[in-house]
């Protein structure tokens, strides 16, 4: 499927539509959805799930042509809704994540929330500290690789 592929779910049952609306499903919400209320004990699971679905981890060097390049890690979350990412940033502040840059290109239909090394490592702690059973292995392994590279 190409970049222009679109998908649509159409439900013909009025009862099912009503049930979904009562459960909080909002039609066409991609651009205007906000962060749902997340009980504090579930925040690590929510963040990890969102990271596994719409997150990215990048490891690389800053100033790589200098005598002592700096190894960094960056975590980015992507969404069609700037409001959603702003809400996520606000929730993460409550658990000690102080940085985070929101980026919304004017020519694209998405937004990004990025965290650099110190906050990225705090995110790692939040997402994996309690040894969860469900996570995307390849993304966790990138964090582990970064830790090994620093040692």
C-alpha atoms as a PDB file:
ATOM      1  CA  UNK A   1       0.000   0.000   0.000  1.00  0.00           C
ATOM      2  CA  UNK A   2       1.289   3.424  -0.878  1.00  0.00           C
ATOM      3  CA  UNK A   3       1.506   6.520   1.255  1.00  0.00           C
ATOM      4  CA  UNK A   4      -1.931   7.621   0.052  1.00  0.00           C
ATOM      5  CA  UNK A   5      -3.694   4.444   1.231  1.00  0.00           C
ATOM      6  CA  UNK A   6      -6.630   5.235   3.512  1.00  0.00           C
ATOM      7  CA  UNK A   7      -8.730   2.974   5.683  1.00  0.00           C
ATOM      8  CA  UNK A   8     -12.221   3.436   7.004  1.00  0.00           C
ATOM      9  CA  UNK A   9     -14.292   1.495   9.492  1.00  0.00           C
ATOM     10  CA  UNK A  10     -18.008   1.816   8.933  1.00  0.00           C
ATOM     11  CA  UNK A  11     -20.440   0.449  11.467  1.00  0.00           C
ATOM     12  CA  UNK A  12     -24.075   0.171  10.400  1.00  0.00           C
ATOM     13  CA  UNK A  13     -25.538  -0.815  13.759  1.00  0.00           C
ATOM     14  CA  UNK A  14     -26.994   2.189  15.607  1.00  0.00           C
ATOM     15  CA  UNK A  15     -26.834   0.254  18.878  1.00  0.00           C
ATOM     16  CA  UNK A  16     -23.142  -0.562  18.413  1.00  0.00           C
ATOM     17  CA  UNK A  17     -22.378   3.041  17.414  1.00  0.00           C
ATOM     18  CA  UNK A  18     -24.193   4.285  20.512  1.00  0.00           C
ATOM     19  CA  UNK A  19     -22.262   1.834  22.710  1.00  0.00           C
ATOM     20  CA  UNK A  20     -18.939   2.937  21.212  1.00  0.00           C
ATOM     21  CA  UNK A  21     -19.782   6.614  21.710  1.00  0.00           C
ATOM     22  CA  UNK A  22     -20.714   5.957  25.371  1.00  0.00           C
ATOM     23  CA  UNK A  23     -17.357   4.192  25.820  1.00  0.00           C
ATOM     24  CA  UNK A  24     -15.537   7.289  24.593  1.00  0.00           C
ATOM     25  CA  UNK A  25     -14.886   6.478  20.942  1.00  0.00           C
ATOM     26  CA  UNK A  26     -15.003   9.696  18.933  1.00  0.00           C
ATOM     27  CA  UNK A  27     -15.543   9.598  15.179  1.00  0.00           C
ATOM     28  CA  UNK A  28     -12.892  11.327  13.045  1.00  0.00           C
ATOM     29  CA  UNK A  29     -10.816  12.271  16.101  1.00  0.00           C
ATOM     30  CA  UNK A  30      -7.308  11.948  14.669  1.00  0.00           C
ATOM     31  CA  UNK A  31      -6.679  15.696  14.403  1.00  0.00           C
ATOM     32  CA  UNK A  32      -8.580  16.791  17.502  1.00  0.00           C
ATOM     33  CA  UNK A  33      -8.240  14.046  20.070  1.00  0.00           C
ATOM     34  CA  UNK A  34      -6.967  14.870  23.514  1.00  0.00           C
ATOM     35  CA  UNK A  35      -5.168  12.713  26.023  1.00  0.00           C
ATOM     36  CA  UNK A  36      -7.619  10.590  28.017  1.00  0.00           C
ATOM     37  CA  UNK A  37      -7.572  10.664  31.809  1.00  0.00           C
ATOM     38  CA  UNK A  38      -5.018   8.084  32.852  1.00  0.00           C
ATOM     39  CA  UNK A  39      -4.808   6.859  36.448  1.00  0.00           C
ATOM     40  CA  UNK A  40      -1.208   7.428  37.657  1.00  0.00           C
ATOM     41  CA  UNK A  41      -0.595   3.706  38.194  1.00  0.00           C
ATOM     42  CA  UNK A  42      -1.420   3.047  34.520  1.00  0.00           C
ATOM     43  CA  UNK A  43       0.671   5.860  33.019  1.00  0.00           C
ATOM     44  CA  UNK A  44       3.771   3.666  32.445  1.00  0.00           C
ATOM     45  CA  UNK A  45       1.658   1.136  30.524  1.00  0.00           C
ATOM     46  CA  UNK A  46      -0.049   3.842  28.471  1.00  0.00           C
ATOM     47  CA  UNK A  47       3.245   5.548  27.591  1.00  0.00           C
ATOM     48  CA  UNK A  48       4.896   2.238  26.702  1.00  0.00           C
ATOM     49  CA  UNK A  49       1.950   1.233  24.509  1.00  0.00           C
ATOM     50  CA  UNK A  50       1.905   4.578  22.743  1.00  0.00           C
ATOM     51  CA  UNK A  51       5.679   4.450  22.300  1.00  0.00           C
ATOM     52  CA  UNK A  52       5.450   0.952  20.818  1.00  0.00           C
ATOM     53  CA  UNK A  53       2.765   2.088  18.371  1.00  0.00           C
ATOM     54  CA  UNK A  54       3.638   5.669  17.481  1.00  0.00           C
ATOM     55  CA  UNK A  55       7.024   6.240  19.059  1.00  0.00           C
ATOM     56  CA  UNK A  56      10.571   6.172  17.824  1.00  0.00           C
ATOM     57  CA  UNK A  57      14.005   5.869  19.400  1.00  0.00           C
ATOM     58  CA  UNK A  58      17.134   7.204  17.709  1.00  0.00           C
ATOM     59  CA  UNK A  59      20.708   6.712  18.847  1.00  0.00           C
ATOM     60  CA  UNK A  60      23.555   8.683  17.345  1.00  0.00           C
ATOM     61  CA  UNK A  61      26.391  11.117  17.857  1.00  0.00           C
ATOM     62  CA  UNK A  62      26.305  14.887  18.071  1.00  0.00           C
ATOM     63  CA  UNK A  63      29.410  16.688  16.918  1.00  0.00           C
ATOM     64  CA  UNK A  64      30.640  13.431  15.420  1.00  0.00           C
ATOM     65  CA  UNK A  65      33.501  15.135  13.605  1.00  0.00           C
ATOM     66  CA  UNK A  66      34.921  16.678  16.760  1.00  0.00           C
ATOM     67  CA  UNK A  67      37.622  15.095  18.878  1.00  0.00           C
ATOM     68  CA  UNK A  68      35.046  13.884  21.429  1.00  0.00           C
ATOM     69  CA  UNK A  69      31.626  13.313  19.842  1.00  0.00           C
ATOM     70  CA  UNK A  70      28.620  13.058  22.186  1.00  0.00           C
ATOM     71  CA  UNK A  71      26.529   9.876  22.194  1.00  0.00           C
ATOM     72  CA  UNK A  72      22.831  10.747  22.488  1.00  0.00           C
ATOM     73  CA  UNK A  73      19.458   9.052  22.466  1.00  0.00           C
ATOM     74  CA  UNK A  74      16.222  10.696  21.387  1.00  0.00           C
ATOM     75  CA  UNK A  75      12.675   9.455  21.924  1.00  0.00           C
ATOM     76  CA  UNK A  76       9.893  10.833  19.735  1.00  0.00           C
ATOM     77  CA  UNK A  77       6.131  10.376  19.842  1.00  0.00           C
ATOM     78  CA  UNK A  78       4.069  11.166  16.734  1.00  0.00           C
ATOM     79  CA  UNK A  79       0.381  12.061  16.477  1.00  0.00           C
ATOM     80  CA  UNK A  80      -2.066  13.811  14.219  1.00  0.00           C
ATOM     81  CA  UNK A  81      -3.164  15.834  17.242  1.00  0.00           C
ATOM     82  CA  UNK A  82      -0.981  18.515  18.785  1.00  0.00           C
ATOM     83  CA  UNK A  83      -3.436  18.696  21.701  1.00  0.00           C
ATOM     84  CA  UNK A  84      -2.873  14.986  22.435  1.00  0.00           C
ATOM     85  CA  UNK A  85       0.907  15.389  22.527  1.00  0.00           C
ATOM     86  CA  UNK A  86       0.657  18.530  24.641  1.00  0.00           C
ATOM     87  CA  UNK A  87      -1.467  16.547  27.126  1.00  0.00           C
ATOM     88  CA  UNK A  88       1.107  13.739  27.131  1.00  0.00           C
ATOM     89  CA  UNK A  89       3.903  16.231  27.785  1.00  0.00           C
ATOM     90  CA  UNK A  90       1.909  17.668  30.710  1.00  0.00           C
ATOM     91  CA  UNK A  91       1.351  14.218  32.240  1.00  0.00           C
ATOM     92  CA  UNK A  92       5.015  13.315  31.855  1.00  0.00           C
ATOM     93  CA  UNK A  93       6.015  16.489  33.717  1.00  0.00           C
ATOM     94  CA  UNK A  94       4.133  15.128  36.739  1.00  0.00           C
ATOM     95  CA  UNK A  95       6.521  12.153  36.834  1.00  0.00           C
ATOM     96  CA  UNK A  96       9.752  14.076  36.417  1.00  0.00           C
ATOM     97  CA  UNK A  97      10.152  14.471  32.653  1.00  0.00           C
ATOM     98  CA  UNK A  98      11.033  18.171  32.422  1.00  0.00           C
ATOM     99  CA  UNK A  99      11.942  18.633  28.758  1.00  0.00           C
ATOM    100  CA  UNK A 100      10.188  17.782  25.557  1.00  0.00           C
ATOM    101  CA  UNK A 101       9.925  19.748  22.338  1.00  0.00           C
ATOM    102  CA  UNK A 102       6.708  19.892  20.330  1.00  0.00           C
ATOM    103  CA  UNK A 103       7.211  20.168  16.586  1.00  0.00           C
ATOM    104  CA  UNK A 104       4.381  20.709  14.132  1.00  0.00           C
ATOM    105  CA  UNK A 105       5.466  21.246  10.514  1.00  0.00           C
ATOM    106  CA  UNK A 106       3.118  23.573   8.655  1.00  0.00           C
ATOM    107  CA  UNK A 107       3.212  21.493   5.473  1.00  0.00           C
ATOM    108  CA  UNK A 108       2.390  18.127   7.107  1.00  0.00           C
ATOM    109  CA  UNK A 109      -0.562  16.632   8.988  1.00  0.00           C
ATOM    110  CA  UNK A 110       1.300  15.425  12.075  1.00  0.00           C
ATOM    111  CA  UNK A 111       3.044  16.606  15.222  1.00  0.00           C
ATOM    112  CA  UNK A 112       6.024  15.263  17.133  1.00  0.00           C
ATOM    113  CA  UNK A 113       6.998  15.364  20.777  1.00  0.00           C
ATOM    114  CA  UNK A 114      10.719  14.693  21.245  1.00  0.00           C
ATOM    115  CA  UNK A 115      12.845  14.077  24.309  1.00  0.00           C
ATOM    116  CA  UNK A 116      16.635  14.139  24.423  1.00  0.00           C
ATOM    117  CA  UNK A 117      18.997  11.930  26.390  1.00  0.00           C
ATOM    118  CA  UNK A 118      18.243  12.666  30.060  1.00  0.00           C
ATOM    119  CA  UNK A 119      14.474  12.664  29.598  1.00  0.00           C
ATOM    120  CA  UNK A 120      14.671   9.714  27.193  1.00  0.00           C
ATOM    121  CA  UNK A 121      16.416   7.695  29.907  1.00  0.00           C
ATOM    122  CA  UNK A 122      13.758   8.727  32.438  1.00  0.00           C
ATOM    123  CA  UNK A 123      11.135   7.550  29.955  1.00  0.00           C
ATOM    124  CA  UNK A 124      12.952   4.230  29.722  1.00  0.00           C
ATOM    125  CA  UNK A 125      12.789   3.928  33.490  1.00  0.00           C
ATOM    126  CA  UNK A 126       9.075   4.743  33.540  1.00  0.00           C
ATOM    127  CA  UNK A 127       8.214   2.330  30.728  1.00  0.00           C
ATOM    128  CA  UNK A 128      10.338  -0.672  31.728  1.00  0.00           C
ATOM    129  CA  UNK A 129      11.241  -0.296  35.417  1.00  0.00           C
ATOM    130  CA  UNK A 130       8.567  -2.673  36.694  1.00  0.00           C
ATOM    131  CA  UNK A 131       9.561  -5.393  34.218  1.00  0.00           C
ATOM    132  CA  UNK A 132       6.413  -5.393  32.087  1.00  0.00           C
ATOM    133  CA  UNK A 133       5.424  -8.479  30.148  1.00  0.00           C
ATOM    134  CA  UNK A 134       4.053  -6.576  27.149  1.00  0.00           C
ATOM    135  CA  UNK A 135       6.346  -4.361  25.083  1.00  0.00           C
ATOM    136  CA  UNK A 136       7.865  -4.188  21.641  1.00  0.00           C
ATOM    137  CA  UNK A 137      11.166  -5.996  22.076  1.00  0.00           C
ATOM    138  CA  UNK A 138      13.045  -4.224  19.273  1.00  0.00           C
ATOM    139  CA  UNK A 139      12.408  -0.799  20.816  1.00  0.00           C
ATOM    140  CA  UNK A 140      13.449  -1.857  24.314  1.00  0.00           C
ATOM    141  CA  UNK A 141      16.597  -3.415  22.842  1.00  0.00           C
ATOM    142  CA  UNK A 142      17.532  -0.011  21.388  1.00  0.00           C
ATOM    143  CA  UNK A 143      17.466   1.462  24.902  1.00  0.00           C
ATOM    144  CA  UNK A 144      19.555  -1.462  26.149  1.00  0.00           C
ATOM    145  CA  UNK A 145      22.024  -0.943  23.300  1.00  0.00           C
ATOM    146  CA  UNK A 146      22.374   2.730  24.200  1.00  0.00           C
ATOM    147  CA  UNK A 147      23.141   1.791  27.812  1.00  0.00           C
ATOM    148  CA  UNK A 148      25.819  -0.670  26.628  1.00  0.00           C
ATOM    149  CA  UNK A 149      27.371   1.926  24.325  1.00  0.00           C
ATOM    150  CA  UNK A 150      27.687   4.359  27.263  1.00  0.00           C
ATOM    151  CA  UNK A 151      29.548   1.866  29.460  1.00  0.00           C
END
